[in-house]
PDB file of N, CA and C in Angstrom:
ATOM      1  N   MET A   1     160.718 125.853 -27.040  1.00  0.00           N
ATOM      2  CA  MET A   1     160.301 127.134 -26.526  1.00  0.00           C
ATOM      3  C   MET A   1     159.145 126.971 -25.524  1.00  0.00           C
ATOM      4  N   VAL A   2     158.142 126.205 -25.911  1.00  0.00           N
ATOM      5  CA  VAL A   2     157.001 125.961 -25.026  1.00  0.00           C
ATOM      6  C   VAL A   2     157.467 125.207 -23.782  1.00  0.00           C
ATOM      7  N   ARG A   3     158.379 124.275 -23.979  1.00  0.00           N
ATOM      8  CA  ARG A   3     158.893 123.481 -22.857  1.00  0.00           C
ATOM      9  C   ARG A   3     159.640 124.381 -21.869  1.00  0.00           C
ATOM     10  N   ALA A   4     160.434 125.313 -22.350  1.00  0.00           N
ATOM     11  CA  ALA A   4     161.170 126.236 -21.485  1.00  0.00           C
ATOM     12  C   ALA A   4     160.202 127.115 -20.699  1.00  0.00           C
ATOM     13  N   ALA A   5     159.140 127.578 -21.352  1.00  0.00           N
ATOM     14  CA  ALA A   5     158.145 128.412 -20.676  1.00  0.00           C
ATOM     15  C   ALA A   5     157.425 127.612 -19.600  1.00  0.00           C
ATOM     16  N   LEU A   6     157.117 126.364 -19.889  1.00  0.00           N
ATOM     17  CA  LEU A   6     156.458 125.501 -18.918  1.00  0.00           C
ATOM     18  C   LEU A   6     157.361 125.258 -17.717  1.00  0.00           C
ATOM     19  N   GLN A   7     158.635 125.008 -17.964  1.00  0.00           N
ATOM     20  CA  GLN A   7     159.578 124.795 -16.865  1.00  0.00           C
ATOM     21  C   GLN A   7     159.695 126.049 -15.999  1.00  0.00           C
ATOM     22  N   LEU A   8     159.697 127.220 -16.613  1.00  0.00           N
ATOM     23  CA  LEU A   8     159.765 128.470 -15.878  1.00  0.00           C
ATOM     24  C   LEU A   8     158.528 128.646 -14.993  1.00  0.00           C
ATOM     25  N   LEU A   9     157.352 128.361 -15.533  1.00  0.00           N
ATOM     26  CA  LEU A   9     156.118 128.471 -14.753  1.00  0.00           C
ATOM     27  C   LEU A   9     156.118 127.507 -13.573  1.00  0.00           C
ATOM     28  N   ILE A  10     156.603 126.300 -13.796  1.00  0.00           N
ATOM     29  CA  ILE A  10     156.673 125.313 -12.710  1.00  0.00           C
ATOM     30  C   ILE A  10     157.630 125.793 -11.626  1.00  0.00           C
ATOM     31  N   ALA A  11     158.793 126.306 -12.020  1.00  0.00           N
ATOM     32  CA  ALA A  11     159.786 126.793 -11.057  1.00  0.00           C
ATOM     33  C   ALA A  11     159.226 127.947 -10.231  1.00  0.00           C
ATOM     34  N   VAL A  12     158.540 128.871 -10.881  1.00  0.00           N
ATOM     35  CA  VAL A  12     157.947 130.001 -10.175  1.00  0.00           C
ATOM     36  C   VAL A  12     156.854 129.503  -9.217  1.00  0.00           C
ATOM     37  N   GLY A  13     156.050 128.567  -9.681  1.00  0.00           N
ATOM     38  CA  GLY A  13     154.991 128.006  -8.832  1.00  0.00           C
ATOM     39  C   GLY A  13     155.557 127.320  -7.605  1.00  0.00           C
ATOM     40  N   ILE A  14     156.627 126.573  -7.779  1.00  0.00           N
ATOM     41  CA  ILE A  14     157.267 125.899  -6.634  1.00  0.00           C
ATOM     42  C   ILE A  14     157.829 126.945  -5.681  1.00  0.00           C
ATOM     43  N   GLY A  15     158.457 127.983  -6.218  1.00  0.00           N
ATOM     44  CA  GLY A  15     159.001 129.051  -5.378  1.00  0.00           C
ATOM     45  C   GLY A  15     157.930 129.725  -4.550  1.00  0.00           C
ATOM     46  N   LEU A  16     156.772 130.000  -5.149  1.00  0.00           N
ATOM     47  CA  LEU A  16     155.678 130.613  -4.412  1.00  0.00           C
ATOM     48  C   LEU A  16     155.136 129.671  -3.345  1.00  0.00           C
ATOM     49  N   THR A  17     155.035 128.398  -3.663  1.00  0.00           N
ATOM     50  CA  THR A  17     154.538 127.414  -2.699  1.00  0.00           C
ATOM     51  C   THR A  17     155.468 127.317  -1.501  1.00  0.00           C
ATOM     52  N   VAL A  18     156.762 127.302  -1.735  1.00  0.00           N
ATOM     53  CA  VAL A  18     157.732 127.207  -0.647  1.00  0.00           C
ATOM     54  C   VAL A  18     157.673 128.438   0.234  1.00  0.00           C
ATOM     55  N   SER A  19     157.601 129.628  -0.357  1.00  0.00           N
ATOM     56  CA  SER A  19     157.580 130.835   0.464  1.00  0.00           C
ATOM     57  C   SER A  19     156.285 130.941   1.265  1.00  0.00           C
ATOM     58  N   VAL A  20     155.166 130.546   0.702  1.00  0.00           N
ATOM     59  CA  VAL A  20     153.899 130.563   1.428  1.00  0.00           C
ATOM     60  C   VAL A  20     153.940 129.550   2.561  1.00  0.00           C
ATOM     61  N   GLY A  21     154.490 128.371   2.303  1.00  0.00           N
ATOM     62  CA  GLY A  21     154.592 127.350   3.344  1.00  0.00           C
ATOM     63  C   GLY A  21     155.451 127.822   4.499  1.00  0.00           C
ATOM     64  N   ALA A  22     156.543 128.521   4.206  1.00  0.00           N
ATOM     65  CA  ALA A  22     157.420 129.014   5.259  1.00  0.00           C
ATOM     66  C   ALA A  22     156.697 130.053   6.117  1.00  0.00           C
ATOM     67  N   GLN A  23     155.884 130.872   5.500  1.00  0.00           N
ATOM     68  CA  GLN A  23     155.151 131.866   6.266  1.00  0.00           C
ATOM     69  C   GLN A  23     154.150 131.207   7.202  1.00  0.00           C
ATOM     70  N   ASN A  24     153.576 130.108   6.808  1.00  0.00           N
ATOM     71  CA  ASN A  24     152.612 129.419   7.653  1.00  0.00           C
ATOM     72  C   ASN A  24     153.258 128.751   8.855  1.00  0.00           C
ATOM     73  N   LEU A  25     154.565 128.496   8.789  1.00  0.00           N
ATOM     74  CA  LEU A  25     155.246 127.812   9.878  1.00  0.00           C
ATOM     75  C   LEU A  25     155.777 128.754  10.940  1.00  0.00           C
ATOM     76  N   ASN A  26     155.754 130.055  10.695  1.00  0.00           N
ATOM     77  CA  ASN A  26     156.275 131.005  11.668  1.00  0.00           C
ATOM     78  C   ASN A  26     155.418 131.017  12.918  1.00  0.00           C
ATOM     79  N   ILE A  27     156.088 130.931  14.064  1.00  0.00           N
ATOM     80  CA  ILE A  27     155.405 131.016  15.351  1.00  0.00           C
ATOM     81  C   ILE A  27     156.074 132.134  16.128  1.00  0.00           C
ATOM     82  N   GLY A  28     155.317 133.100  16.550  1.00  0.00           N
ATOM     83  CA  GLY A  28     155.893 134.205  17.309  1.00  0.00           C
ATOM     84  C   GLY A  28     156.437 133.715  18.640  1.00  0.00           C
ATOM     85  N   SER A  29     157.619 134.173  19.015  1.00  0.00           N
ATOM     86  CA  SER A  29     158.234 133.718  20.253  1.00  0.00           C
ATOM     87  C   SER A  29     157.413 134.136  21.467  1.00  0.00           C
ATOM     88  N   ALA A  30     156.732 135.266  21.404  1.00  0.00           N
ATOM     89  CA  ALA A  30     155.910 135.701  22.528  1.00  0.00           C
ATOM     90  C   ALA A  30     154.747 134.740  22.743  1.00  0.00           C
ATOM     91  N   GLU A  31     154.118 134.283  21.635  1.00  0.00           N
ATOM     92  CA  GLU A  31     153.016 133.331  21.765  1.00  0.00           C
ATOM     93  C   GLU A  31     153.513 132.010  22.320  1.00  0.00           C
ATOM     94  N   GLN A  32     154.645 131.560  21.835  1.00  0.00           N
ATOM     95  CA  GLN A  32     155.170 130.268  22.251  1.00  0.00           C
ATOM     96  C   GLN A  32     155.622 130.309  23.702  1.00  0.00           C
ATOM     97  N   SER A  33     156.334 131.352  24.110  1.00  0.00           N
ATOM     98  CA  SER A  33     156.886 131.379  25.457  1.00  0.00           C
ATOM     99  C   SER A  33     155.832 131.672  26.516  1.00  0.00           C
ATOM    100  N   ALA A  34     154.695 132.233  26.129  1.00  0.00           N
ATOM    101  CA  ALA A  34     153.652 132.519  27.104  1.00  0.00           C
ATOM    102  C   ALA A  34     152.783 131.303  27.384  1.00  0.00           C
ATOM    103  N   ALA A  35     152.957 130.248  26.630  1.00  0.00           N
ATOM    104  CA  ALA A  35     152.135 129.053  26.790  1.00  0.00           C
ATOM    105  C   ALA A  35     152.626 128.195  27.942  1.00  0.00           C
ATOM    106  N   THR A  36     151.783 127.266  28.349  1.00  0.00           N
ATOM    107  CA  THR A  36     152.181 126.268  29.334  1.00  0.00           C
ATOM    108  C   THR A  36     152.000 124.898  28.708  1.00  0.00           C
ATOM    109  N   SER A  37     152.585 123.905  29.322  1.00  0.00           N
ATOM    110  CA  SER A  37     152.440 122.547  28.824  1.00  0.00           C
ATOM    111  C   SER A  37     151.014 122.062  29.099  1.00  0.00           C
ATOM    112  N   PRO A  38     150.615 120.928  28.509  1.00  0.00           N
ATOM    113  CA  PRO A  38     149.279 120.393  28.788  1.00  0.00           C
ATOM    114  C   PRO A  38     149.053 120.121  30.278  1.00  0.00           C
ATOM    115  N   SER A  39     150.127 119.892  31.020  1.00  0.00           N
ATOM    116  CA  SER A  39     149.992 119.629  32.453  1.00  0.00           C
ATOM    117  C   SER A  39     149.881 120.920  33.257  1.00  0.00           C
ATOM    118  N   GLY A  40     149.937 122.076  32.597  1.00  0.00           N
ATOM    119  CA  GLY A  40     149.785 123.345  33.299  1.00  0.00           C
ATOM    120  C   GLY A  40     151.048 123.819  33.979  1.00  0.00           C
ATOM    121  N   LYS A  41     152.189 123.378  33.526  1.00  0.00           N
ATOM    122  CA  LYS A  41     153.464 123.777  34.111  1.00  0.00           C
ATOM    123  C   LYS A  41     154.244 124.626  33.111  1.00  0.00           C
ATOM    124  N   PRO A  42     155.247 125.376  33.583  1.00  0.00           N
ATOM    125  CA  PRO A  42     156.053 126.181  32.667  1.00  0.00           C
ATOM    126  C   PRO A  42     156.730 125.320  31.607  1.00  0.00           C
ATOM    127  N   ILE A  43     156.918 125.897  30.422  1.00  0.00           N
ATOM    128  CA  ILE A  43     157.571 125.165  29.341  1.00  0.00           C
ATOM    129  C   ILE A  43     158.911 125.813  28.991  1.00  0.00           C
ATOM    130  N   ARG A  44     159.731 125.034  28.316  1.00  0.00           N
ATOM    131  CA  ARG A  44     161.040 125.495  27.877  1.00  0.00           C
ATOM    132  C   ARG A  44     160.905 126.782  27.073  1.00  0.00           C
ATOM    133  N   GLY A  45     161.761 127.741  27.382  1.00  0.00           N
ATOM    134  CA  GLY A  45     161.763 129.007  26.663  1.00  0.00           C
ATOM    135  C   GLY A  45     161.060 130.137  27.384  1.00  0.00           C
ATOM    136  N   MET A  46     160.223 129.825  28.373  1.00  0.00           N
ATOM    137  CA  MET A  46     159.572 130.890  29.135  1.00  0.00           C
ATOM    138  C   MET A  46     160.635 131.651  29.927  1.00  0.00           C
ATOM    139  N   LYS A  47     160.405 132.910  30.152  1.00  0.00           N
ATOM    140  CA  LYS A  47     161.290 133.743  30.956  1.00  0.00           C
ATOM    141  C   LYS A  47     160.838 133.707  32.410  1.00  0.00           C
ATOM    142  N   SER A  48     161.756 134.000  33.317  1.00  0.00           N
ATOM    143  CA  SER A  48     161.455 133.928  34.744  1.00  0.00           C
ATOM    144  C   SER A  48     160.313 134.854  35.139  1.00  0.00           C
ATOM    145  N   ASP A  49     160.230 136.041  34.531  1.00  0.00           N
ATOM    146  CA  ASP A  49     159.128 136.945  34.872  1.00  0.00           C
ATOM    147  C   ASP A  49     157.777 136.391  34.417  1.00  0.00           C
ATOM    148  N   GLN A  50     157.760 135.632  33.307  1.00  0.00           N
ATOM    149  CA  GLN A  50     156.514 134.994  32.850  1.00  0.00           C
ATOM    150  C   GLN A  50     156.114 133.877  33.806  1.00  0.00           C
ATOM    151  N   VAL A  51     157.091 133.112  34.272  1.00  0.00           N
ATOM    152  CA  VAL A  51     156.797 132.032  35.225  1.00  0.00           C
ATOM    153  C   VAL A  51     156.232 132.637  36.504  1.00  0.00           C
ATOM    154  N   ARG A  52     156.866 133.685  36.995  1.00  0.00           N
ATOM    155  CA  ARG A  52     156.405 134.343  38.222  1.00  0.00           C
ATOM    156  C   ARG A  52     155.001 134.905  38.032  1.00  0.00           C
ATOM    157  N   ALA A  53     154.721 135.502  36.874  1.00  0.00           N
ATOM    158  CA  ALA A  53     153.395 136.083  36.617  1.00  0.00           C
ATOM    159  C   ALA A  53     152.318 135.008  36.530  1.00  0.00           C
ATOM    160  N   ASN A  54     152.643 133.850  35.935  1.00  0.00           N
ATOM    161  CA  ASN A  54     151.650 132.788  35.741  1.00  0.00           C
ATOM    162  C   ASN A  54     151.504 131.849  36.927  1.00  0.00           C
ATOM    163  N   PHE A  55     152.570 131.654  37.697  1.00  0.00           N
ATOM    164  CA  PHE A  55     152.549 130.638  38.760  1.00  0.00           C
ATOM    165  C   PHE A  55     152.841 131.204  40.138  1.00  0.00           C
ATOM    166  N   GLY A  56     153.110 132.489  40.238  1.00  0.00           N
ATOM    167  CA  GLY A  56     153.400 133.109  41.519  1.00  0.00           C
ATOM    168  C   GLY A  56     154.853 132.908  41.925  1.00  0.00           C
ATOM    169  N   MET A  57     155.158 133.395  43.116  1.00  0.00           N
ATOM    170  CA  MET A  57     156.514 133.243  43.640  1.00  0.00           C
ATOM    171  C   MET A  57     156.739 131.790  44.047  1.00  0.00           C
ATOM    172  N   PRO A  58     157.933 131.256  43.767  1.00  0.00           N
ATOM    173  CA  PRO A  58     158.228 129.885  44.191  1.00  0.00           C
ATOM    174  C   PRO A  58     158.391 129.811  45.703  1.00  0.00           C
ATOM    175  N   GLN A  59     158.240 128.617  46.250  1.00  0.00           N
ATOM    176  CA  GLN A  59     158.446 128.419  47.686  1.00  0.00           C
ATOM    177  C   GLN A  59     159.919 128.600  48.036  1.00  0.00           C
ATOM    178  N   THR A  60     160.798 128.144  47.134  1.00  0.00           N
ATOM    179  CA  THR A  60     162.237 128.226  47.357  1.00  0.00           C
ATOM    180  C   THR A  60     162.937 128.565  46.046  1.00  0.00           C
ATOM    181  N   ILE A  61     163.946 129.418  46.117  1.00  0.00           N
ATOM    182  CA  ILE A  61     164.820 129.699  44.979  1.00  0.00           C
ATOM    183  C   ILE A  61     166.227 129.302  45.389  1.00  0.00           C
ATOM    184  N   ARG A  62     166.807 128.345  44.674  1.00  0.00           N
ATOM    185  CA  ARG A  62     168.163 127.869  44.979  1.00  0.00           C
ATOM    186  C   ARG A  62     169.185 128.750  44.281  1.00  0.00           C
ATOM    187  N   ASN A  63     170.347 128.890  44.891  1.00  0.00           N
ATOM    188  CA  ASN A  63     171.432 129.678  44.300  1.00  0.00           C
ATOM    189  C   ASN A  63     171.893 129.070  42.983  1.00  0.00           C
ATOM    190  N   PRO A  64     172.410 129.916  42.080  1.00  0.00           N
ATOM    191  CA  PRO A  64     172.920 129.410  40.798  1.00  0.00           C
ATOM    192  C   PRO A  64     174.077 128.434  41.010  1.00  0.00           C
ATOM    193  N   VAL A  65     174.125 127.417  40.135  1.00  0.00           N
ATOM    194  CA  VAL A  65     175.184 126.420  40.180  1.00  0.00           C
ATOM    195  C   VAL A  65     175.758 126.271  38.785  1.00  0.00           C
ATOM    196  N   GLY A  66     177.098 126.253  38.673  1.00  0.00           N
ATOM    197  CA  GLY A  66     177.760 125.959  37.403  1.00  0.00           C
ATOM    198  C   GLY A  66     177.890 127.145  36.478  1.00  0.00           C
ATOM    199  N   ASN A  67     178.411 126.831  35.295  1.00  0.00           N
ATOM    200  CA  ASN A  67     178.595 127.828  34.257  1.00  0.00           C
ATOM    201  C   ASN A  67     178.201 127.204  32.922  1.00  0.00           C
ATOM    202  N   PRO A  68     177.119 127.594  32.284  1.00  0.00           N
ATOM    203  CA  PRO A  68     176.261 128.716  32.639  1.00  0.00           C
ATOM    204  C   PRO A  68     175.493 128.419  33.920  1.00  0.00           C
ATOM    205  N   PRO A  69     175.078 129.479  34.608  1.00  0.00           N
ATOM    206  CA  PRO A  69     174.390 129.273  35.886  1.00  0.00           C
ATOM    207  C   PRO A  69     173.021 128.616  35.704  1.00  0.00           C
ATOM    208  N   ILE A  70     172.796 127.547  36.459  1.00  0.00           N
ATOM    209  CA  ILE A  70     171.499 126.861  36.480  1.00  0.00           C
ATOM    210  C   ILE A  70     170.833 127.207  37.811  1.00  0.00           C
ATOM    211  N   ILE A  71     169.634 127.735  37.736  1.00  0.00           N
ATOM    212  CA  ILE A  71     168.893 128.170  38.922  1.00  0.00           C
ATOM    213  C   ILE A  71     167.652 127.306  39.053  1.00  0.00           C
ATOM    214  N   ARG A  72     167.306 126.942  40.268  1.00  0.00           N
ATOM    215  CA  ARG A  72     166.164 126.055  40.515  1.00  0.00           C
ATOM    216  C   ARG A  72     165.129 126.787  41.359  1.00  0.00           C
ATOM    217  N   TRP A  73     163.896 126.809  40.834  1.00  0.00           N
ATOM    218  CA  TRP A  73     162.762 127.343  41.587  1.00  0.00           C
ATOM    219  C   TRP A  73     161.880 126.173  41.964  1.00  0.00           C
ATOM    220  N   GLU A  74     161.556 126.078  43.253  1.00  0.00           N
ATOM    221  CA  GLU A  74     160.724 124.979  43.737  1.00  0.00           C
ATOM    222  C   GLU A  74     159.329 125.478  44.085  1.00  0.00           C
ATOM    223  N   TYR A  75     158.342 124.856  43.461  1.00  0.00           N
ATOM    224  CA  TYR A  75     156.936 125.097  43.759  1.00  0.00           C
ATOM    225  C   TYR A  75     156.410 123.883  44.512  1.00  0.00           C
ATOM    226  N   SER A  76     155.176 123.899  44.958  1.00  0.00           N
ATOM    227  CA  SER A  76     154.637 122.783  45.745  1.00  0.00           C
ATOM    228  C   SER A  76     154.569 121.483  44.947  1.00  0.00           C
ATOM    229  N   ASP A  77     154.239 121.548  43.649  1.00  0.00           N
ATOM    230  CA  ASP A  77     154.067 120.331  42.844  1.00  0.00           C
ATOM    231  C   ASP A  77     155.164 120.082  41.824  1.00  0.00           C
ATOM    232  N   PHE A  78     155.983 121.079  41.518  1.00  0.00           N
ATOM    233  CA  PHE A  78     157.000 120.920  40.479  1.00  0.00           C
ATOM    234  C   PHE A  78     158.200 121.810  40.757  1.00  0.00           C
ATOM    235  N   VAL A  79     159.283 121.539  40.029  1.00  0.00           N
ATOM    236  CA  VAL A  79     160.520 122.315  40.116  1.00  0.00           C
ATOM    237  C   VAL A  79     160.854 122.813  38.719  1.00  0.00           C
ATOM    238  N   VAL A  80     161.238 124.079  38.617  1.00  0.00           N
ATOM    239  CA  VAL A  80     161.586 124.691  37.340  1.00  0.00           C
ATOM    240  C   VAL A  80     163.086 124.989  37.339  1.00  0.00           C
ATOM    241  N   PHE A  81     163.770 124.570  36.278  1.00  0.00           N
ATOM    242  CA  PHE A  81     165.191 124.823  36.125  1.00  0.00           C
ATOM    243  C   PHE A  81     165.388 125.895  35.063  1.00  0.00           C
ATOM    244  N   PHE A  82     166.190 126.906  35.397  1.00  0.00           N
ATOM    245  CA  PHE A  82     166.483 128.022  34.499  1.00  0.00           C
ATOM    246  C   PHE A  82     167.966 128.031  34.149  1.00  0.00           C
ATOM    247  N   GLU A  83     168.259 128.400  32.919  1.00  0.00           N
ATOM    248  CA  GLU A  83     169.613 128.787  32.537  1.00  0.00           C
ATOM    249  C   GLU A  83     169.533 130.287  32.356  1.00  0.00           C
ATOM    250  N   TYR A  84     170.247 131.026  33.199  1.00  0.00           N
ATOM    251  CA  TYR A  84     170.086 132.464  33.317  1.00  0.00           C
ATOM    252  C   TYR A  84     168.625 132.726  33.684  1.00  0.00           C
ATOM    253  N   ASP A  85     167.816 133.338  32.826  1.00  0.00           N
ATOM    254  CA  ASP A  85     166.412 133.608  33.176  1.00  0.00           C
ATOM    255  C   ASP A  85     165.441 132.879  32.256  1.00  0.00           C
ATOM    256  N   THR A  86     165.900 131.806  31.601  1.00  0.00           N
ATOM    257  CA  THR A  86     165.075 131.070  30.649  1.00  0.00           C
ATOM    258  C   THR A  86     164.855 129.636  31.128  1.00  0.00           C
ATOM    259  N   VAL A  87     163.599 129.184  31.107  1.00  0.00           N
ATOM    260  CA  VAL A  87     163.271 127.817  31.527  1.00  0.00           C
ATOM    261  C   VAL A  87     163.930 126.816  30.578  1.00  0.00           C
ATOM    262  N   ILE A  88     164.634 125.841  31.163  1.00  0.00           N
ATOM    263  CA  ILE A  88     165.199 124.754  30.351  1.00  0.00           C
ATOM    264  C   ILE A  88     164.530 123.427  30.648  1.00  0.00           C
ATOM    265  N   HIS A  89     163.874 123.317  31.839  1.00  0.00           N
ATOM    266  CA  HIS A  89     163.223 122.043  32.171  1.00  0.00           C
ATOM    267  C   HIS A  89     162.295 122.240  33.362  1.00  0.00           C
ATOM    268  N   THR A  90     161.212 121.487  33.397  1.00  0.00           N
ATOM    269  CA  THR A  90     160.297 121.466  34.535  1.00  0.00           C
ATOM    270  C   THR A  90     160.026 120.005  34.882  1.00  0.00           C
ATOM    271  N   VAL A  91     160.118 119.681  36.163  1.00  0.00           N
ATOM    272  CA  VAL A  91     159.869 118.304  36.602  1.00  0.00           C
ATOM    273  C   VAL A  91     158.861 118.293  37.744  1.00  0.00           C
ATOM    274  N   ASN A  92     158.102 117.191  37.839  1.00  0.00           N
ATOM    275  CA  ASN A  92     157.160 117.007  38.937  1.00  0.00           C
ATOM    276  C   ASN A  92     157.908 116.633  40.197  1.00  0.00           C
ATOM    277  N   LYS A  93     157.388 117.074  41.348  1.00  0.00           N
ATOM    278  CA  LYS A  93     157.935 116.625  42.629  1.00  0.00           C
ATOM    279  C   LYS A  93     157.311 115.279  42.970  1.00  0.00           C
ATOM    280  N   ARG A  94     158.023 114.519  43.724  1.00  0.00           N
ATOM    281  CA  ARG A  94     157.481 113.217  44.164  1.00  0.00           C
ATOM    282  C   ARG A  94     156.579 113.388  45.344  1.00  0.00           C
TER     283      ARG A  94
END
């Protein structure tokens, strides 16, 4: 009887620990997508309007290519690749 009660308490304690841990890992998408990389460039997941607001208008916007459409925005120091309106990659210019 005591052993069953102890096992129940342990199970409940583990359940509470897991749920609390999961809550600590949540990151709001708005916080994550508004950030920039350590190099100060757009990061994956940012939306095109956020890139424009943080980095200004690009020097060149290339037409969409492929399916899904990949769009390239060229800035003076880097190039941003979008799938639809979401950043998928940023690279430095040579």
